[in-house]
C-alpha atoms as a PDB file:
ATOM      1  CA  MET A   1      -8.856   7.642  22.896  1.00  0.00           C
ATOM      2  CA  VAL A   2      -5.739   9.603  21.941  1.00  0.00           C
ATOM      3  CA  ILE A   3      -4.686   9.107  18.342  1.00  0.00           C
ATOM      4  CA  PRO A   4      -0.922   9.477  17.735  1.00  0.00           C
ATOM      5  CA  PRO A   5       0.033  12.267  15.290  1.00  0.00           C
ATOM      6  CA  GLU A   6       1.311   9.746  12.710  1.00  0.00           C
ATOM      7  CA  ALA A   7      -2.053   7.973  12.770  1.00  0.00           C
ATOM      8  CA  GLN A   8      -3.846  11.292  12.353  1.00  0.00           C
ATOM      9  CA  THR A   9      -1.901  11.813   9.121  1.00  0.00           C
ATOM     10  CA  HIS A  10      -2.895   8.314   8.025  1.00  0.00           C
ATOM     11  CA  PHE A  11      -6.587   9.036   8.622  1.00  0.00           C
ATOM     12  CA  LYS A  12      -6.304  12.376   6.822  1.00  0.00           C
ATOM     13  CA  VAL A  13      -4.837  10.741   3.704  1.00  0.00           C
ATOM     14  CA  VAL A  14      -7.446   7.973   3.733  1.00  0.00           C
ATOM     15  CA  ASN A  15     -10.325  10.431   4.144  1.00  0.00           C
ATOM     16  CA  GLU A  16      -8.974  12.665   1.406  1.00  0.00           C
ATOM     17  CA  LEU A  17      -8.806   9.737  -1.014  1.00  0.00           C
ATOM     18  CA  ILE A  18     -12.317   8.589  -0.138  1.00  0.00           C
ATOM     19  CA  ASP A  19     -14.051  11.965   0.174  1.00  0.00           C
ATOM     20  CA  ASN A  20     -12.283  13.942  -2.487  1.00  0.00           C
ATOM     21  CA  LYS A  21     -13.323  13.861  -6.107  1.00  0.00           C
ATOM     22  CA  LYS A  22      -9.875  12.919  -7.389  1.00  0.00           C
ATOM     23  CA  SER A  23      -9.621  11.012 -10.647  1.00  0.00           C
ATOM     24  CA  ASP A  24      -9.101   7.270 -10.548  1.00  0.00           C
ATOM     25  CA  TYR A  25      -5.597   7.876 -11.858  1.00  0.00           C
ATOM     26  CA  ALA A  26      -4.809  10.283  -8.996  1.00  0.00           C
ATOM     27  CA  VAL A  27      -6.251   7.919  -6.382  1.00  0.00           C
ATOM     28  CA  THR A  28      -3.993   5.060  -7.492  1.00  0.00           C
ATOM     29  CA  ILE A  29      -0.845   7.177  -7.746  1.00  0.00           C
ATOM     30  CA  ILE A  30      -1.395   8.932  -4.388  1.00  0.00           C
ATOM     31  CA  SER A  31      -2.338   5.750  -2.528  1.00  0.00           C
ATOM     32  CA  VAL A  32       0.745   3.883  -3.762  1.00  0.00           C
ATOM     33  CA  ALA A  33       3.020   6.826  -2.973  1.00  0.00           C
ATOM     34  CA  TYR A  34       1.642   6.854   0.570  1.00  0.00           C
ATOM     35  CA  LEU A  35       2.015   3.074   0.932  1.00  0.00           C
ATOM     36  CA  GLU A  36       5.605   3.337  -0.314  1.00  0.00           C
ATOM     37  CA  GLU A  37       6.343   5.954   2.327  1.00  0.00           C
ATOM     38  CA  LEU A  38       4.715   3.880   5.085  1.00  0.00           C
ATOM     39  CA  LEU A  39       6.774   0.838   4.046  1.00  0.00           C
ATOM     40  CA  LYS A  40       9.927   2.954   4.056  1.00  0.00           C
ATOM     41  CA  GLU A  41       9.193   4.193   7.571  1.00  0.00           C
ATOM     42  CA  ALA A  42       8.403   0.695   8.877  1.00  0.00           C
ATOM     43  CA  ILE A  43      11.600  -0.733   7.398  1.00  0.00           C
ATOM     44  CA  ALA A  44      13.753   2.189   8.558  1.00  0.00           C
ATOM     45  CA  LYS A  45      12.712   1.604  12.159  1.00  0.00           C
ATOM     46  CA  HIS A  46      14.904  -1.515  12.010  1.00  0.00           C
ATOM     47  CA  PHE A  47      18.010   0.399  10.958  1.00  0.00           C
ATOM     48  CA  VAL A  48      20.803   1.443  13.283  1.00  0.00           C
ATOM     49  CA  GLU A  49      20.924   5.035  14.417  1.00  0.00           C
ATOM     50  CA  GLY A  50      22.686   7.215  11.881  1.00  0.00           C
ATOM     51  CA  ALA A  51      21.763   5.067   8.864  1.00  0.00           C
ATOM     52  CA  LYS A  52      21.605   7.155   5.702  1.00  0.00           C
ATOM     53  CA  ILE A  53      17.910   6.664   5.057  1.00  0.00           C
ATOM     54  CA  ARG A  54      17.728   8.930   1.990  1.00  0.00           C
ATOM     55  CA  GLU A  55      20.543   7.069   0.259  1.00  0.00           C
ATOM     56  CA  ILE A  56      19.158   3.651   1.136  1.00  0.00           C
ATOM     57  CA  PHE A  57      15.709   4.455  -0.289  1.00  0.00           C
ATOM     58  CA  ARG A  58      16.845   6.547  -3.291  1.00  0.00           C
ATOM     59  CA  SER A  59      14.919   5.639  -6.449  1.00  0.00           C
ATOM     60  CA  ASN A  60      17.974   4.004  -8.021  1.00  0.00           C
ATOM     61  CA  SER A  61      18.956   2.057  -4.883  1.00  0.00           C
ATOM     62  CA  ALA A  62      18.090  -1.474  -3.817  1.00  0.00           C
ATOM     63  CA  LEU A  63      15.093  -0.250  -1.786  1.00  0.00           C
ATOM     64  CA  GLY A  64      14.006   2.428  -4.221  1.00  0.00           C
ATOM     65  CA  THR A  65      11.058   0.544  -5.673  1.00  0.00           C
ATOM     66  CA  PHE A  66       7.667  -0.326  -4.269  1.00  0.00           C
ATOM     67  CA  GLU A  67       8.277  -4.003  -5.075  1.00  0.00           C
ATOM     68  CA  ALA A  68      11.587  -4.053  -3.184  1.00  0.00           C
ATOM     69  CA  ARG A  69       9.983  -2.436  -0.134  1.00  0.00           C
ATOM     70  CA  ILE A  70       7.135  -4.938  -0.200  1.00  0.00           C
ATOM     71  CA  ASN A  71       9.550  -7.861  -0.429  1.00  0.00           C
ATOM     72  CA  LEU A  72      11.815  -6.602   2.370  1.00  0.00           C
ATOM     73  CA  SER A  73       8.851  -5.810   4.624  1.00  0.00           C
ATOM     74  CA  HIS A  74       7.677  -9.369   4.150  1.00  0.00           C
ATOM     75  CA  ALA A  75      11.172 -10.805   4.696  1.00  0.00           C
ATOM     76  CA  LEU A  76      11.436  -8.829   7.964  1.00  0.00           C
ATOM     77  CA  ASP A  77       8.027 -10.212   8.981  1.00  0.00           C
ATOM     78  CA  LEU A  78       6.570  -6.714   9.151  1.00  0.00           C
ATOM     79  CA  ILE A  79       3.711  -7.833   6.911  1.00  0.00           C
ATOM     80  CA  GLY A  80       2.230 -11.249   6.308  1.00  0.00           C
ATOM     81  CA  ASP A  81       1.680 -13.181   3.109  1.00  0.00           C
ATOM     82  CA  HIS A  82      -1.780 -11.727   2.489  1.00  0.00           C
ATOM     83  CA  SER A  83      -0.680  -8.118   2.974  1.00  0.00           C
ATOM     84  CA  ARG A  84       2.274  -8.755   0.657  1.00  0.00           C
ATOM     85  CA  ASP A  85      -0.035 -10.207  -1.990  1.00  0.00           C
ATOM     86  CA  ASP A  86      -2.529  -7.337  -1.655  1.00  0.00           C
ATOM     87  CA  LEU A  87       0.295  -4.772  -1.859  1.00  0.00           C
ATOM     88  CA  LYS A  88       1.514  -6.432  -5.061  1.00  0.00           C
ATOM     89  CA  LEU A  89      -2.051  -6.290  -6.376  1.00  0.00           C
ATOM     90  CA  VAL A  90      -2.158  -2.551  -5.603  1.00  0.00           C
ATOM     91  CA  ALA A  91       1.098  -2.215  -7.563  1.00  0.00           C
ATOM     92  CA  LYS A  92      -0.447  -4.021 -10.559  1.00  0.00           C
ATOM     93  CA  ILE A  93      -3.459  -1.723 -10.479  1.00  0.00           C
ATOM     94  CA  ARG A  94      -1.220   1.341 -10.208  1.00  0.00           C
ATOM     95  CA  ASN A  95       0.794   0.070 -13.173  1.00  0.00           C
ATOM     96  CA  ARG A  96      -2.377  -0.225 -15.251  1.00  0.00           C
ATOM     97  CA  PHE A  97      -2.940   3.484 -14.696  1.00  0.00           C
ATOM     98  CA  ALA A  98       0.651   4.764 -14.671  1.00  0.00           C
ATOM     99  CA  HIS A  99       2.417   2.804 -17.375  1.00  0.00           C
ATOM    100  CA  VAL A 100      -0.131   2.853 -20.149  1.00  0.00           C
ATOM    101  CA  PRO A 101       0.046   6.134 -22.103  1.00  0.00           C
ATOM    102  CA  PHE A 102      -2.616   8.535 -20.896  1.00  0.00           C
ATOM    103  CA  GLY A 103      -4.337   5.750 -18.980  1.00  0.00           C
ATOM    104  CA  VAL A 104      -5.535   4.049 -22.159  1.00  0.00           C
ATOM    105  CA  ASP A 105      -5.248   0.256 -22.388  1.00  0.00           C
ATOM    106  CA  LEU A 106      -3.936   0.084 -25.926  1.00  0.00           C
ATOM    107  CA  ARG A 107      -3.403  -3.685 -25.769  1.00  0.00           C
ATOM    108  CA  ALA A 108      -7.064  -4.480 -25.208  1.00  0.00           C
ATOM    109  CA  ASN A 109      -8.472  -1.897 -27.569  1.00  0.00           C
ATOM    110  CA  PRO A 110      -6.511   0.851 -29.341  1.00  0.00           C
ATOM    111  CA  SER A 111      -9.539   3.123 -29.265  1.00  0.00           C
ATOM    112  CA  ALA A 112     -10.494   2.332 -25.665  1.00  0.00           C
ATOM    113  CA  PHE A 113     -11.609   4.965 -23.228  1.00  0.00           C
ATOM    114  CA  PRO A 114      -9.094   5.969 -20.547  1.00  0.00           C
ATOM    115  CA  ILE A 115      -8.604   3.330 -17.853  1.00  0.00           C
ATOM    116  CA  THR A 116     -10.791   3.753 -14.775  1.00  0.00           C
ATOM    117  CA  PHE A 117     -11.790   1.484 -11.928  1.00  0.00           C
ATOM    118  CA  LYS A 118     -14.723   0.408 -14.081  1.00  0.00           C
ATOM    119  CA  SER A 119     -12.407  -0.880 -16.848  1.00  0.00           C
ATOM    120  CA  GLN A 120     -12.692  -4.656 -17.002  1.00  0.00           C
ATOM    121  CA  SER A 121      -8.974  -5.266 -16.453  1.00  0.00           C
ATOM    122  CA  VAL A 122      -9.024  -3.176 -13.266  1.00  0.00           C
ATOM    123  CA  ARG A 123     -12.335  -4.668 -12.059  1.00  0.00           C
ATOM    124  CA  ASP A 124     -10.813  -8.130 -12.454  1.00  0.00           C
ATOM    125  CA  LEU A 125      -7.837  -7.144 -10.313  1.00  0.00           C
ATOM    126  CA  CYS A 126      -9.981  -5.441  -7.639  1.00  0.00           C
ATOM    127  CA  LYS A 127     -11.946  -8.625  -6.963  1.00  0.00           C
ATOM    128  CA  ASN A 128      -8.745 -10.385  -5.823  1.00  0.00           C
ATOM    129  CA  PHE A 129      -7.998  -8.397  -2.655  1.00  0.00           C
ATOM    130  CA  TRP A 130      -7.605 -10.928   0.157  1.00  0.00           C
ATOM    131  CA  GLY A 131      -8.211  -8.465   2.987  1.00  0.00           C
ATOM    132  CA  LEU A 132     -11.491  -7.293   1.549  1.00  0.00           C
ATOM    133  CA  GLN A 133     -12.760 -10.822   0.984  1.00  0.00           C
ATOM    134  CA  ASN A 134     -11.818 -11.943   4.487  1.00  0.00           C
ATOM    135  CA  ILE A 135     -12.723  -8.947   6.623  1.00  0.00           C
ATOM    136  CA  ASN A 136     -16.139 -10.389   7.340  1.00  0.00           C
ATOM    137  CA  PRO A 137     -16.830 -14.041   6.540  1.00  0.00           C
ATOM    138  CA  MET A 138     -20.513 -13.196   6.126  1.00  0.00           C
ATOM    139  CA  THR A 139     -19.701 -10.821   3.263  1.00  0.00           C
ATOM    140  CA  GLU A 140     -19.783 -12.442  -0.130  1.00  0.00           C
ATOM    141  CA  ILE A 141     -17.652 -10.696  -2.738  1.00  0.00           C
ATOM    142  CA  PRO A 142     -19.370 -10.703  -6.117  1.00  0.00           C
ATOM    143  CA  ASN A 143     -17.483 -11.567  -9.286  1.00  0.00           C
ATOM    144  CA  SER A 144     -15.944  -8.674 -11.211  1.00  0.00           C
ATOM    145  CA  GLU A 145     -18.941  -8.291 -13.527  1.00  0.00           C
ATOM    146  CA  GLU A 146     -21.164  -7.689 -10.484  1.00  0.00           C
ATOM    147  CA  ILE A 147     -18.901  -5.220  -8.687  1.00  0.00           C
ATOM    148  CA  SER A 148     -20.797  -1.947  -8.857  1.00  0.00           C
ATOM    149  CA  GLU A 149     -18.104   0.175  -7.216  1.00  0.00           C
ATOM    150  CA  PRO A 150     -14.625  -1.253  -7.842  1.00  0.00           C
ATOM    151  CA  ARG A 151     -13.114   2.085  -6.802  1.00  0.00           C
ATOM    152  CA  MET A 152     -14.571   1.615  -3.313  1.00  0.00           C
ATOM    153  CA  PHE A 153     -13.263  -1.981  -3.253  1.00  0.00           C
ATOM    154  CA  TYR A 154      -9.819  -0.597  -4.066  1.00  0.00           C
ATOM    155  CA  LEU A 155     -10.013   2.214  -1.500  1.00  0.00           C
ATOM    156  CA  THR A 156     -11.265  -0.108   1.235  1.00  0.00           C
ATOM    157  CA  SER A 157      -8.442  -2.554   0.519  1.00  0.00           C
ATOM    158  CA  VAL A 158      -5.873   0.232   0.436  1.00  0.00           C
ATOM    159  CA  ASN A 159      -7.199   1.527   3.750  1.00  0.00           C
ATOM    160  CA  LEU A 160      -6.702  -1.940   5.276  1.00  0.00           C
ATOM    161  CA  LEU A 161      -3.159  -1.960   3.901  1.00  0.00           C
ATOM    162  CA  PHE A 162      -2.464   1.559   5.227  1.00  0.00           C
ATOM    163  CA  SER A 163      -3.444   0.279   8.674  1.00  0.00           C
ATOM    164  CA  ALA A 164      -1.430  -2.948   8.404  1.00  0.00           C
ATOM    165  CA  VAL A 165       1.742  -1.187   7.270  1.00  0.00           C
ATOM    166  CA  TRP A 166       1.371   1.693   9.740  1.00  0.00           C
ATOM    167  CA  ASN A 167       0.878  -0.830  12.551  1.00  0.00           C
ATOM    168  CA  ALA A 168       3.995  -2.733  11.432  1.00  0.00           C
ATOM    169  CA  GLY A 169       6.035   0.452  11.813  1.00  0.00           C
ATOM    170  CA  PHE A 170       4.416   1.249  15.142  1.00  0.00           C
ATOM    171  CA  ARG A 171       5.150  -2.244  16.477  1.00  0.00           C
ATOM    172  CA  ALA A 172       8.766  -2.002  15.311  1.00  0.00           C
ATOM    173  CA  ARG A 173       9.245   1.350  17.046  1.00  0.00           C
ATOM    174  CA  HIS A 174       7.515   0.145  20.201  1.00  0.00           C
ATOM    175  CA  PHE A 175       9.625  -3.035  20.341  1.00  0.00           C
ATOM    176  CA  ARG A 176      12.790  -1.030  19.823  1.00  0.00           C
ATOM    177  CA  ASP A 177      11.830   1.376  22.606  1.00  0.00           C
ATOM    178  CA  LEU A 178      11.002  -1.468  24.984  1.00  0.00           C
ATOM    179  CA  CYS A 179      14.237  -3.324  24.333  1.00  0.00           C
ATOM    180  CA  SER A 180      16.687  -0.478  24.299  1.00  0.00           C
ATOM    181  CA  GLY A 181      15.168   2.710  25.628  1.00  0.00           C
ATOM    182  CA  GLY A 182      15.010   4.109  22.102  1.00  0.00           C
ATOM    183  CA  ALA A 183      18.607   3.284  21.171  1.00  0.00           C
ATOM    184  CA  PRO A 184      19.402   0.754  18.457  1.00  0.00           C
ATOM    185  CA  ILE A 185      19.596  -2.846  19.599  1.00  0.00           C
ATOM    186  CA  GLN A 186      23.244  -3.937  19.391  1.00  0.00           C
ATOM    187  CA  PRO A 187      24.058  -7.557  18.557  1.00  0.00           C
ATOM    188  CA  LYS A 188      26.009  -9.426  21.231  1.00  0.00           C
ATOM    189  CA  TRP A 189      28.308 -11.570  19.048  1.00  0.00           C
END
């Protein structure tokens, strides 16, 4: 089986997150940055040729946030309800790490240890991934107190989302190529 170059990059990122000994903080930040880029690419495949992609996705533009990209991808039917919900869950987990000073959950306990995947607030979020719970109906997902490796739950869910979003972009490109020989589809009104 020939794996397209874009998919090879996808597998490289996934393997690096799983195999590498990056901190929990780094794993969440890198995985969300990659998901943001995949969403941008999937959405951009629907734009007319010559669209100013950089301007459209600038951080201070309408599509500059992860949330906006998730919502538009869902509105364009690139991702389904469950992928949207899991992407928003990834965003919540990232925010636990990124928006609390030094990764410390000061609301729960001012003297708490830095946030990790084993922190109760993160464990509670990790148990809610739809894709992970429904990948195999024979697999029972334990409650958050019983999750021994919430980091692996997160990484497995993120890997499923990488695949879903990458496939959405691939389908969009393929459809465009089939309909117009690679040129933008022009409305006939």
